[in-house]
Amino acid sequence: MGAARRGLPIILAVGSVPAVLLGAGLLEDRAAALRASMPIRVVIHWPSAEGLTTSPTESWLPEAQQRDLVALARDSLGESPEPFRIDPLERLGRAMGASGWFEGQPTIRRAGGGVIHVVGEWRRPTAWIRFGADDYLVDDRGRLMPLTYGATEASPPRTPVLNPGTRPPRRPSGEPDYVAPWTSDSARAAIELIDLLHEQPYWAQVAAVDAGGKRPDLRLVIETDRGTRIVWGGAPNAFNPGERSTQDKLRQLANFYNRPEYGRHIDAGSAGYDLRSELILFDISPGAQPTSP
C-alpha cells in the first residue's frame, strides 16, 4: 500500500503532460486568431517645419503624397500581416527607404494594439529642375524626389533650375533613380545657388536660375520676377578665377534691394547686368536711370 501511495504522484504527474500540452495548443490557437483579427495601423511620422509630427495636417508634404506613402506601406505589409513576424516589417522598411523621401531606410517600430511606427530622416526638398515640360523636385544633393509637375500645372510656387543640361537620372529599367544625383555639374551648382538665395530677404524676386545647359564654362544666371537676367557666374562658395566672392555678390544684390533709388529690387531698374566683376555695367531698360553702384 505504501508503495502504491508513493507511486500515485508519479502517475498523476505523467498523466498531466498531455493536458498541459493541450492547454498550450489552445492558447496558441486563440492567440493566433486574435493576432489575425487585430487591425494593423501604420503611423508615419511626417516631416514638418519643426521636426516630425504624426498629424498629416501639420506636415509640408502634400496630402496626395501622404496618401501614396500610406498605400505603399499597406501594400508592402501584405494582406493580414502577422504582427509578431519580422519579415513584414523588413518589407515595410525597404519600401519606405526606396520611396525617395527618406535618407536611407527609416526605423520601423512595433507598438501595442497593432500599431506600427515609421520614423526616419526625411530628405530636404531644395529646388525644382525643369526638363522638357516637367518640373522635378530634388533635394540639396540633386537627387530626385517623387514629386513632378508639368511646367504649366497648378502647384505650389516654384523657382526652377532651367537648362540643366542632362536628363533626370533613371534606372536601367527606366524608372526614376532616387539614389543617384543629377549628373550635370551646372544643375547641382544651380541647386546650391537657389538654396543660398532662398535665405535672402529678396528671395521672392528670384523667378528661376538658368544653369546654362551644356555650356563648356559654368555660368549661372538669375532670372527675376521682372524678366531681368543677372549673371551670377560660377558655383557658389567655390574658387572662380576672375570673379568676386560669393559674399560680395550677395552684398551687391542686397545693396540694390535695400536702396530706394534702385526701386528696392535686385534688378536695379535695369534689364540685366553681370555680378562677376567689381565694375557692374547695366543693360538699361527704357525709363530707368540707376545711379552708379
C-alpha atoms as a PDB file:
ATOM      1  CA  MET A   1       0.000   0.000   0.000  1.00  0.00           C
ATOM      2  CA  GLY A   2       2.841   2.325   0.860  1.00  0.00           C
ATOM      3  CA  ALA A   3       4.424   1.572  -2.488  1.00  0.00           C
ATOM      4  CA  ALA A   4       1.137   2.274  -4.226  1.00  0.00           C
ATOM      5  CA  ARG A   5       0.798   5.599  -2.416  1.00  0.00           C
ATOM      6  CA  ARG A   6       4.327   6.564  -3.289  1.00  0.00           C
ATOM      7  CA  GLY A   7       3.605   5.759  -6.953  1.00  0.00           C
ATOM      8  CA  LEU A   8       0.436   7.848  -7.160  1.00  0.00           C
ATOM      9  CA  PRO A   9       2.078  11.244  -7.566  1.00  0.00           C
ATOM     10  CA  ILE A  10       4.250   9.839 -10.330  1.00  0.00           C
ATOM     11  CA  ILE A  11       1.243   8.523 -12.215  1.00  0.00           C
ATOM     12  CA  LEU A  12      -0.570  11.846 -11.818  1.00  0.00           C
ATOM     13  CA  ALA A  13       2.453  13.845 -12.975  1.00  0.00           C
ATOM     14  CA  VAL A  14       2.878  11.755 -16.088  1.00  0.00           C
ATOM     15  CA  GLY A  15      -0.830  11.896 -16.807  1.00  0.00           C
ATOM     16  CA  SER A  16      -0.872  15.727 -16.617  1.00  0.00           C
ATOM     17  CA  VAL A  17       1.601  16.266 -19.516  1.00  0.00           C
ATOM     18  CA  PRO A  18      -0.955  15.785 -22.371  1.00  0.00           C
ATOM     19  CA  ALA A  19      -3.331  18.154 -20.569  1.00  0.00           C
ATOM     20  CA  VAL A  20      -0.667  20.849 -20.289  1.00  0.00           C
ATOM     21  CA  LEU A  21       0.284  20.466 -23.961  1.00  0.00           C
ATOM     22  CA  LEU A  22      -3.355  20.581 -24.986  1.00  0.00           C
ATOM     23  CA  GLY A  23      -3.893  23.768 -22.984  1.00  0.00           C
ATOM     24  CA  ALA A  24      -0.838  25.386 -24.535  1.00  0.00           C
ATOM     25  CA  GLY A  25      -2.077  24.490 -28.024  1.00  0.00           C
ATOM     26  CA  LEU A  26      -5.459  26.033 -27.333  1.00  0.00           C
ATOM     27  CA  LEU A  27      -3.856  29.197 -26.012  1.00  0.00           C
ATOM     28  CA  GLU A  28      -1.635  29.444 -29.106  1.00  0.00           C
ATOM     29  CA  ASP A  29      -4.627  28.931 -31.390  1.00  0.00           C
ATOM     30  CA  ARG A  30      -6.535  31.651 -29.572  1.00  0.00           C
ATOM     31  CA  ALA A  31      -3.533  33.987 -29.717  1.00  0.00           C
ATOM     32  CA  ALA A  32      -3.105  33.318 -33.450  1.00  0.00           C
ATOM     33  CA  ALA A  33      -6.795  34.008 -34.045  1.00  0.00           C
ATOM     34  CA  LEU A  34      -6.550  37.198 -32.007  1.00  0.00           C
ATOM     35  CA  ARG A  35      -3.495  38.363 -33.949  1.00  0.00           C
ATOM     36  CA  ALA A  36      -5.158  37.592 -37.267  1.00  0.00           C
ATOM     37  CA  SER A  37      -8.196  39.678 -36.310  1.00  0.00           C
ATOM     38  CA  MET A  38      -6.128  42.544 -34.880  1.00  0.00           C
ATOM     39  CA  PRO A  39      -6.255  45.605 -37.188  1.00  0.00           C
ATOM     40  CA  ILE A  40      -2.839  46.872 -38.224  1.00  0.00           C
ATOM     41  CA  ARG A  41      -2.400  50.638 -38.223  1.00  0.00           C
ATOM     42  CA  VAL A  42       0.690  52.275 -39.725  1.00  0.00           C
ATOM     43  CA  VAL A  43       1.648  55.601 -38.161  1.00  0.00           C
ATOM     44  CA  ILE A  44       4.109  57.557 -40.299  1.00  0.00           C
ATOM     45  CA  HIS A  45       5.947  60.371 -38.525  1.00  0.00           C
ATOM     46  CA  TRP A  46       5.616  63.107 -41.155  1.00  0.00           C
ATOM     47  CA  PRO A  47       8.101  65.928 -41.761  1.00  0.00           C
ATOM     48  CA  SER A  48       7.144  69.367 -40.501  1.00  0.00           C
ATOM     49  CA  ALA A  49       8.873  72.721 -40.272  1.00  0.00           C
ATOM     50  CA  GLU A  50       9.838  71.990 -36.662  1.00  0.00           C
ATOM     51  CA  GLY A  51      10.753  68.301 -36.997  1.00  0.00           C
ATOM     52  CA  LEU A  52       8.415  65.310 -37.046  1.00  0.00           C
ATOM     53  CA  THR A  53       4.683  65.085 -36.470  1.00  0.00           C
ATOM     54  CA  THR A  54       2.092  62.334 -36.525  1.00  0.00           C
ATOM     55  CA  SER A  55      -0.524  64.845 -37.689  1.00  0.00           C
ATOM     56  CA  PRO A  56      -0.792  64.871 -41.513  1.00  0.00           C
ATOM     57  CA  THR A  57      -2.205  68.404 -41.486  1.00  0.00           C
ATOM     58  CA  GLU A  58       0.935  69.792 -39.797  1.00  0.00           C
ATOM     59  CA  SER A  59       3.266  68.426 -42.479  1.00  0.00           C
ATOM     60  CA  TRP A  60       4.623  70.270 -45.516  1.00  0.00           C
ATOM     61  CA  LEU A  61       4.301  67.060 -47.520  1.00  0.00           C
ATOM     62  CA  PRO A  62       1.251  67.345 -49.838  1.00  0.00           C
ATOM     63  CA  GLU A  63      -1.752  65.195 -48.966  1.00  0.00           C
ATOM     64  CA  ALA A  64      -1.563  63.264 -52.246  1.00  0.00           C
ATOM     65  CA  GLN A  65       2.000  62.138 -51.481  1.00  0.00           C
ATOM     66  CA  GLN A  66       0.989  61.226 -47.935  1.00  0.00           C
ATOM     67  CA  ARG A  67      -1.757  59.002 -49.311  1.00  0.00           C
ATOM     68  CA  ASP A  68       0.716  57.398 -51.720  1.00  0.00           C
ATOM     69  CA  LEU A  69       3.110  56.571 -48.883  1.00  0.00           C
ATOM     70  CA  VAL A  70       0.337  55.112 -46.717  1.00  0.00           C
ATOM     71  CA  ALA A  71      -0.799  52.946 -49.644  1.00  0.00           C
ATOM     72  CA  LEU A  72       2.803  51.842 -50.245  1.00  0.00           C
ATOM     73  CA  ALA A  73       3.110  50.888 -46.575  1.00  0.00           C
ATOM     74  CA  ARG A  74      -0.050  48.792 -46.684  1.00  0.00           C
ATOM     75  CA  ASP A  75       0.987  47.061 -49.901  1.00  0.00           C
ATOM     76  CA  SER A  76       4.415  46.190 -48.508  1.00  0.00           C
ATOM     77  CA  LEU A  77       2.923  44.681 -45.340  1.00  0.00           C
ATOM     78  CA  GLY A  78       0.633  42.440 -47.373  1.00  0.00           C
ATOM     79  CA  GLU A  79      -2.806  41.058 -46.596  1.00  0.00           C
ATOM     80  CA  SER A  80      -3.462  40.397 -42.873  1.00  0.00           C
ATOM     81  CA  PRO A  81       0.212  40.633 -41.827  1.00  0.00           C
ATOM     82  CA  GLU A  82       1.324  38.596 -38.840  1.00  0.00           C
ATOM     83  CA  PRO A  83       2.272  41.371 -36.362  1.00  0.00           C
ATOM     84  CA  PHE A  84       4.787  39.227 -34.478  1.00  0.00           C
ATOM     85  CA  ARG A  85       6.817  38.252 -37.544  1.00  0.00           C
ATOM     86  CA  ILE A  86       9.804  40.315 -38.653  1.00  0.00           C
ATOM     87  CA  ASP A  87       9.582  39.892 -42.427  1.00  0.00           C
ATOM     88  CA  PRO A  88       6.547  42.208 -42.972  1.00  0.00           C
ATOM     89  CA  LEU A  89       8.349  44.913 -41.017  1.00  0.00           C
ATOM     90  CA  GLU A  90      11.503  44.416 -43.075  1.00  0.00           C
ATOM     91  CA  ARG A  91       9.471  44.734 -46.285  1.00  0.00           C
ATOM     92  CA  LEU A  92       7.934  47.929 -44.973  1.00  0.00           C
ATOM     93  CA  GLY A  93      11.344  49.388 -44.134  1.00  0.00           C
ATOM     94  CA  ARG A  94      12.768  48.569 -47.563  1.00  0.00           C
ATOM     95  CA  ALA A  95       9.732  50.026 -49.339  1.00  0.00           C
ATOM     96  CA  MET A  96       9.903  53.271 -47.374  1.00  0.00           C
ATOM     97  CA  GLY A  97      13.665  53.516 -47.928  1.00  0.00           C
ATOM     98  CA  ALA A  98      13.247  53.102 -51.691  1.00  0.00           C
ATOM     99  CA  SER A  99      10.419  55.638 -51.908  1.00  0.00           C
ATOM    100  CA  GLY A 100      12.741  58.607 -52.445  1.00  0.00           C
ATOM    101  CA  TRP A 101      11.525  60.529 -49.401  1.00  0.00           C
ATOM    102  CA  PHE A 102      13.940  59.260 -46.737  1.00  0.00           C
ATOM    103  CA  GLU A 103      17.660  59.422 -46.106  1.00  0.00           C
ATOM    104  CA  GLY A 104      18.416  55.714 -46.093  1.00  0.00           C
ATOM    105  CA  GLN A 105      15.942  53.301 -44.526  1.00  0.00           C
ATOM    106  CA  PRO A 106      13.672  54.537 -41.736  1.00  0.00           C
ATOM    107  CA  THR A 107      13.200  52.787 -38.421  1.00  0.00           C
ATOM    108  CA  ILE A 108      10.132  50.540 -38.174  1.00  0.00           C
ATOM    109  CA  ARG A 109       8.920  50.225 -34.605  1.00  0.00           C
ATOM    110  CA  ARG A 110       6.102  47.978 -33.444  1.00  0.00           C
ATOM    111  CA  ALA A 111       3.867  49.224 -30.616  1.00  0.00           C
ATOM    112  CA  GLY A 112       0.908  47.745 -28.771  1.00  0.00           C
ATOM    113  CA  GLY A 113      -2.558  47.427 -30.254  1.00  0.00           C
ATOM    114  CA  GLY A 114      -1.345  46.526 -33.732  1.00  0.00           C
ATOM    115  CA  VAL A 115       0.316  49.926 -34.324  1.00  0.00           C
ATOM    116  CA  ILE A 116       3.471  50.149 -36.440  1.00  0.00           C
ATOM    117  CA  HIS A 117       5.505  53.384 -36.378  1.00  0.00           C
ATOM    118  CA  VAL A 118       7.657  54.614 -39.290  1.00  0.00           C
ATOM    119  CA  VAL A 119      10.304  57.088 -38.100  1.00  0.00           C
ATOM    120  CA  GLY A 120      13.116  58.333 -40.311  1.00  0.00           C
ATOM    121  CA  GLU A 121      15.166  61.262 -41.563  1.00  0.00           C
ATOM    122  CA  TRP A 122      13.313  62.949 -44.389  1.00  0.00           C
ATOM    123  CA  ARG A 123      15.161  64.388 -47.359  1.00  0.00           C
ATOM    124  CA  ARG A 124      15.108  68.167 -47.641  1.00  0.00           C
ATOM    125  CA  PRO A 125      13.379  69.429 -50.796  1.00  0.00           C
ATOM    126  CA  THR A 126      15.519  72.237 -52.187  1.00  0.00           C
ATOM    127  CA  ALA A 127      14.727  73.039 -55.810  1.00  0.00           C
ATOM    128  CA  TRP A 128      12.826  72.169 -58.942  1.00  0.00           C
ATOM    129  CA  ILE A 129      14.650  71.247 -62.116  1.00  0.00           C
ATOM    130  CA  ARG A 130      12.786  71.897 -65.332  1.00  0.00           C
ATOM    131  CA  PHE A 131      13.457  69.383 -68.072  1.00  0.00           C
ATOM    132  CA  GLY A 132      11.221  69.414 -71.093  1.00  0.00           C
ATOM    133  CA  ALA A 133       7.679  70.162 -69.964  1.00  0.00           C
ATOM    134  CA  ASP A 134       8.107  68.887 -66.405  1.00  0.00           C
ATOM    135  CA  ASP A 135       9.477  70.239 -63.138  1.00  0.00           C
ATOM    136  CA  TYR A 136      11.221  67.651 -60.937  1.00  0.00           C
ATOM    137  CA  LEU A 137      11.628  68.131 -57.206  1.00  0.00           C
ATOM    138  CA  VAL A 138      15.200  67.483 -55.980  1.00  0.00           C
ATOM    139  CA  ASP A 139      16.920  67.587 -52.622  1.00  0.00           C
ATOM    140  CA  ASP A 140      20.013  69.582 -51.677  1.00  0.00           C
ATOM    141  CA  ARG A 141      22.271  66.933 -53.264  1.00  0.00           C
ATOM    142  CA  GLY A 142      20.419  66.981 -56.571  1.00  0.00           C
ATOM    143  CA  ARG A 143      18.692  63.639 -56.046  1.00  0.00           C
ATOM    144  CA  LEU A 144      15.206  63.162 -57.424  1.00  0.00           C
ATOM    145  CA  MET A 145      12.260  63.136 -55.064  1.00  0.00           C
ATOM    146  CA  PRO A 146       8.957  61.513 -56.098  1.00  0.00           C
ATOM    147  CA  LEU A 147       7.109  64.709 -56.970  1.00  0.00           C
ATOM    148  CA  THR A 148       6.787  66.074 -60.517  1.00  0.00           C
ATOM    149  CA  TYR A 149       4.592  68.772 -62.025  1.00  0.00           C
ATOM    150  CA  GLY A 150       4.015  69.869 -65.580  1.00  0.00           C
ATOM    151  CA  ALA A 151       5.558  73.293 -66.157  1.00  0.00           C
ATOM    152  CA  THR A 152       2.083  74.836 -66.506  1.00  0.00           C
ATOM    153  CA  GLU A 153       0.362  72.594 -63.960  1.00  0.00           C
ATOM    154  CA  ALA A 154      -1.147  74.166 -60.872  1.00  0.00           C
ATOM    155  CA  SER A 155       1.132  73.558 -57.892  1.00  0.00           C
ATOM    156  CA  PRO A 156       2.852  75.348 -55.025  1.00  0.00           C
ATOM    157  CA  PRO A 157       5.067  78.280 -56.105  1.00  0.00           C
ATOM    158  CA  ARG A 158       8.242  77.055 -57.780  1.00  0.00           C
ATOM    159  CA  THR A 159      11.634  78.577 -58.515  1.00  0.00           C
ATOM    160  CA  PRO A 160      13.072  76.149 -61.057  1.00  0.00           C
ATOM    161  CA  VAL A 161      16.521  75.429 -62.382  1.00  0.00           C
ATOM    162  CA  LEU A 162      16.381  75.971 -66.143  1.00  0.00           C
ATOM    163  CA  ASN A 163      18.543  74.300 -68.799  1.00  0.00           C
ATOM    164  CA  PRO A 164      20.055  71.580 -66.564  1.00  0.00           C
ATOM    165  CA  GLY A 165      21.992  70.094 -69.498  1.00  0.00           C
ATOM    166  CA  THR A 166      21.222  66.432 -68.754  1.00  0.00           C
ATOM    167  CA  ARG A 167      18.159  64.259 -68.301  1.00  0.00           C
ATOM    168  CA  PRO A 168      16.740  63.210 -64.933  1.00  0.00           C
ATOM    169  CA  PRO A 169      18.571  60.151 -63.564  1.00  0.00           C
ATOM    170  CA  ARG A 170      16.944  56.839 -64.438  1.00  0.00           C
ATOM    171  CA  ARG A 171      17.481  53.216 -63.507  1.00  0.00           C
ATOM    172  CA  PRO A 172      18.273  50.663 -66.243  1.00  0.00           C
ATOM    173  CA  SER A 173      14.584  49.700 -66.057  1.00  0.00           C
ATOM    174  CA  GLY A 174      13.634  53.261 -66.985  1.00  0.00           C
ATOM    175  CA  GLU A 175      12.174  54.082 -63.572  1.00  0.00           C
ATOM    176  CA  PRO A 176      13.278  57.238 -61.729  1.00  0.00           C
ATOM    177  CA  ASP A 177      16.533  56.824 -59.810  1.00  0.00           C
ATOM    178  CA  TYR A 178      16.126  58.315 -56.339  1.00  0.00           C
ATOM    179  CA  VAL A 179      19.681  57.466 -55.282  1.00  0.00           C
ATOM    180  CA  ALA A 180      21.941  58.967 -57.964  1.00  0.00           C
ATOM    181  CA  PRO A 181      22.224  62.775 -58.080  1.00  0.00           C
ATOM    182  CA  TRP A 182      21.548  64.747 -61.239  1.00  0.00           C
ATOM    183  CA  THR A 183      24.646  64.196 -63.384  1.00  0.00           C
ATOM    184  CA  SER A 184      25.052  67.813 -64.532  1.00  0.00           C
ATOM    185  CA  ASP A 185      27.602  69.872 -62.555  1.00  0.00           C
ATOM    186  CA  SER A 186      25.850  73.064 -63.644  1.00  0.00           C
ATOM    187  CA  ALA A 187      22.487  71.783 -62.394  1.00  0.00           C
ATOM    188  CA  ARG A 188      23.950  70.939 -58.983  1.00  0.00           C
ATOM    189  CA  ALA A 189      25.614  74.368 -58.816  1.00  0.00           C
ATOM    190  CA  ALA A 190      22.268  75.992 -59.646  1.00  0.00           C
ATOM    191  CA  ILE A 191      20.607  73.995 -56.861  1.00  0.00           C
ATOM    192  CA  GLU A 192      23.238  75.281 -54.443  1.00  0.00           C
ATOM    193  CA  LEU A 193      22.618  78.849 -55.609  1.00  0.00           C
ATOM    194  CA  ILE A 194      18.847  78.502 -55.156  1.00  0.00           C
ATOM    195  CA  ASP A 195      19.418  77.124 -51.664  1.00  0.00           C
ATOM    196  CA  LEU A 196      21.618  80.131 -50.896  1.00  0.00           C
ATOM    197  CA  LEU A 197      19.251  82.733 -52.364  1.00  0.00           C
ATOM    198  CA  HIS A 198      16.306  81.207 -50.516  1.00  0.00           C
ATOM    199  CA  GLU A 199      17.797  82.540 -47.275  1.00  0.00           C
ATOM    200  CA  GLN A 200      17.922  86.146 -48.554  1.00  0.00           C
ATOM    201  CA  PRO A 201      15.213  88.794 -47.987  1.00  0.00           C
ATOM    202  CA  TYR A 202      14.826  89.319 -51.734  1.00  0.00           C
ATOM    203  CA  TRP A 203      14.074  85.649 -52.433  1.00  0.00           C
ATOM    204  CA  ALA A 204      10.571  86.460 -53.732  1.00  0.00           C
ATOM    205  CA  GLN A 205      12.177  88.425 -56.591  1.00  0.00           C
ATOM    206  CA  VAL A 206      14.043  85.331 -57.861  1.00  0.00           C
ATOM    207  CA  ALA A 207      11.971  83.569 -60.520  1.00  0.00           C
ATOM    208  CA  ALA A 208      14.491  80.976 -61.761  1.00  0.00           C
ATOM    209  CA  VAL A 209      18.173  80.116 -62.098  1.00  0.00           C
ATOM    210  CA  ASP A 210      19.491  79.276 -65.558  1.00  0.00           C
ATOM    211  CA  ALA A 211      22.176  76.573 -65.340  1.00  0.00           C
ATOM    212  CA  GLY A 212      23.402  77.249 -68.879  1.00  0.00           C
ATOM    213  CA  GLY A 213      22.618  73.891 -70.437  1.00  0.00           C
ATOM    214  CA  LYS A 214      25.685  72.250 -71.987  1.00  0.00           C
ATOM    215  CA  ARG A 215      27.911  75.330 -71.995  1.00  0.00           C
ATOM    216  CA  PRO A 216      31.583  74.348 -71.548  1.00  0.00           C
ATOM    217  CA  ASP A 217      32.006  77.101 -68.962  1.00  0.00           C
ATOM    218  CA  LEU A 218      29.850  77.265 -65.838  1.00  0.00           C
ATOM    219  CA  ARG A 219      27.831  80.480 -65.875  1.00  0.00           C
ATOM    220  CA  LEU A 220      24.751  80.659 -63.715  1.00  0.00           C
ATOM    221  CA  VAL A 221      22.173  83.354 -64.439  1.00  0.00           C
ATOM    222  CA  ILE A 222      19.482  84.599 -62.047  1.00  0.00           C
ATOM    223  CA  GLU A 223      16.158  85.400 -63.685  1.00  0.00           C
ATOM    224  CA  THR A 224      13.998  87.823 -61.701  1.00  0.00           C
ATOM    225  CA  ASP A 225      10.244  88.178 -61.472  1.00  0.00           C
ATOM    226  CA  ARG A 226      10.565  91.099 -63.900  1.00  0.00           C
ATOM    227  CA  GLY A 227      12.379  89.080 -66.540  1.00  0.00           C
ATOM    228  CA  THR A 228      15.794  90.560 -65.687  1.00  0.00           C
ATOM    229  CA  ARG A 229      18.823  88.337 -66.284  1.00  0.00           C
ATOM    230  CA  ILE A 230      21.601  88.765 -63.729  1.00  0.00           C
ATOM    231  CA  VAL A 231      24.801  86.881 -64.490  1.00  0.00           C
ATOM    232  CA  TRP A 232      25.958  85.238 -61.266  1.00  0.00           C
ATOM    233  CA  GLY A 233      28.875  83.234 -62.644  1.00  0.00           C
ATOM    234  CA  GLY A 234      30.443  80.088 -61.200  1.00  0.00           C
ATOM    235  CA  ALA A 235      29.304  77.764 -58.445  1.00  0.00           C
ATOM    236  CA  PRO A 236      28.658  79.438 -55.063  1.00  0.00           C
ATOM    237  CA  ASN A 237      31.351  79.144 -52.400  1.00  0.00           C
ATOM    238  CA  ALA A 238      33.874  77.838 -54.933  1.00  0.00           C
ATOM    239  CA  PHE A 239      37.061  79.416 -56.286  1.00  0.00           C
ATOM    240  CA  ASN A 240      36.124  81.072 -59.565  1.00  0.00           C
ATOM    241  CA  PRO A 241      39.127  82.888 -61.104  1.00  0.00           C
ATOM    242  CA  GLY A 242      38.378  86.455 -62.130  1.00  0.00           C
ATOM    243  CA  GLU A 243      35.133  86.638 -60.131  1.00  0.00           C
ATOM    244  CA  ARG A 244      34.286  88.410 -56.926  1.00  0.00           C
ATOM    245  CA  SER A 245      33.453  86.202 -53.950  1.00  0.00           C
ATOM    246  CA  THR A 246      30.059  84.732 -53.187  1.00  0.00           C
ATOM    247  CA  GLN A 247      29.607  87.046 -50.203  1.00  0.00           C
ATOM    248  CA  ASP A 248      30.459  90.100 -52.320  1.00  0.00           C
ATOM    249  CA  LYS A 249      27.829  89.081 -54.873  1.00  0.00           C
ATOM    250  CA  LEU A 250      25.225  88.660 -52.153  1.00  0.00           C
ATOM    251  CA  ARG A 251      26.123  92.035 -50.672  1.00  0.00           C
ATOM    252  CA  GLN A 252      25.720  93.685 -54.082  1.00  0.00           C
ATOM    253  CA  LEU A 253      22.271  92.146 -54.564  1.00  0.00           C
ATOM    254  CA  ALA A 254      21.281  93.272 -51.054  1.00  0.00           C
ATOM    255  CA  ASN A 255      22.563  96.769 -51.845  1.00  0.00           C
ATOM    256  CA  PHE A 256      20.229  97.077 -54.837  1.00  0.00           C
ATOM    257  CA  TYR A 257      17.345  95.567 -52.867  1.00  0.00           C
ATOM    258  CA  ASN A 258      17.725  97.949 -49.900  1.00  0.00           C
ATOM    259  CA  ARG A 259      18.156 101.264 -51.728  1.00  0.00           C
ATOM    260  CA  PRO A 260      15.078 103.231 -52.879  1.00  0.00           C
ATOM    261  CA  GLU A 261      16.947 104.706 -55.862  1.00  0.00           C
ATOM    262  CA  TYR A 262      17.149 101.192 -57.295  1.00  0.00           C
ATOM    263  CA  GLY A 263      13.453 100.575 -56.740  1.00  0.00           C
ATOM    264  CA  ARG A 264      14.169  98.141 -53.887  1.00  0.00           C
ATOM    265  CA  HIS A 265      14.655  95.414 -56.440  1.00  0.00           C
ATOM    266  CA  ILE A 266      17.703  93.329 -57.275  1.00  0.00           C
ATOM    267  CA  ASP A 267      17.366  94.241 -60.953  1.00  0.00           C
ATOM    268  CA  ALA A 268      18.328  97.849 -60.014  1.00  0.00           C
ATOM    269  CA  GLY A 269      15.826  99.115 -62.557  1.00  0.00           C
ATOM    270  CA  SER A 270      17.796  97.607 -65.438  1.00  0.00           C
ATOM    271  CA  ALA A 271      17.226  94.852 -67.970  1.00  0.00           C
ATOM    272  CA  GLY A 272      20.258  92.942 -66.718  1.00  0.00           C
ATOM    273  CA  TYR A 273      23.849  93.097 -65.517  1.00  0.00           C
ATOM    274  CA  ASP A 274      26.882  90.952 -64.650  1.00  0.00           C
ATOM    275  CA  LEU A 275      27.755  90.331 -60.987  1.00  0.00           C
ATOM    276  CA  ARG A 276      31.111  88.694 -61.613  1.00  0.00           C
ATOM    277  CA  SER A 277      33.305  91.815 -61.756  1.00  0.00           C
ATOM    278  CA  GLU A 278      33.632  94.767 -59.396  1.00  0.00           C
ATOM    279  CA  LEU A 279      32.535  97.142 -62.178  1.00  0.00           C
ATOM    280  CA  ILE A 280      28.889  96.492 -62.989  1.00  0.00           C
ATOM    281  CA  LEU A 281      27.645  97.520 -66.421  1.00  0.00           C
ATOM    282  CA  PHE A 282      23.882  97.851 -66.628  1.00  0.00           C
ATOM    283  CA  ASP A 283      21.691  96.994 -69.556  1.00  0.00           C
ATOM    284  CA  ILE A 284      19.352  99.963 -69.058  1.00  0.00           C
ATOM    285  CA  SER A 285      15.655  99.349 -69.632  1.00  0.00           C
ATOM    286  CA  PRO A 286      13.501 102.177 -71.044  1.00  0.00           C
ATOM    287  CA  GLY A 287      12.870 104.924 -68.486  1.00  0.00           C
ATOM    288  CA  ALA A 288      15.233 103.501 -65.834  1.00  0.00           C
ATOM    289  CA  GLN A 289      18.073 105.718 -64.620  1.00  0.00           C
ATOM    290  CA  PRO A 290      20.020 103.916 -61.899  1.00  0.00           C
ATOM    291  CA  THR A 291      22.989 105.713 -60.412  1.00  0.00           C
ATOM    292  CA  SER A 292      26.450 104.185 -60.073  1.00  0.00           C
ATOM    293  CA  PRO A 293      26.545 101.165 -57.738  1.00  0.00           C
END
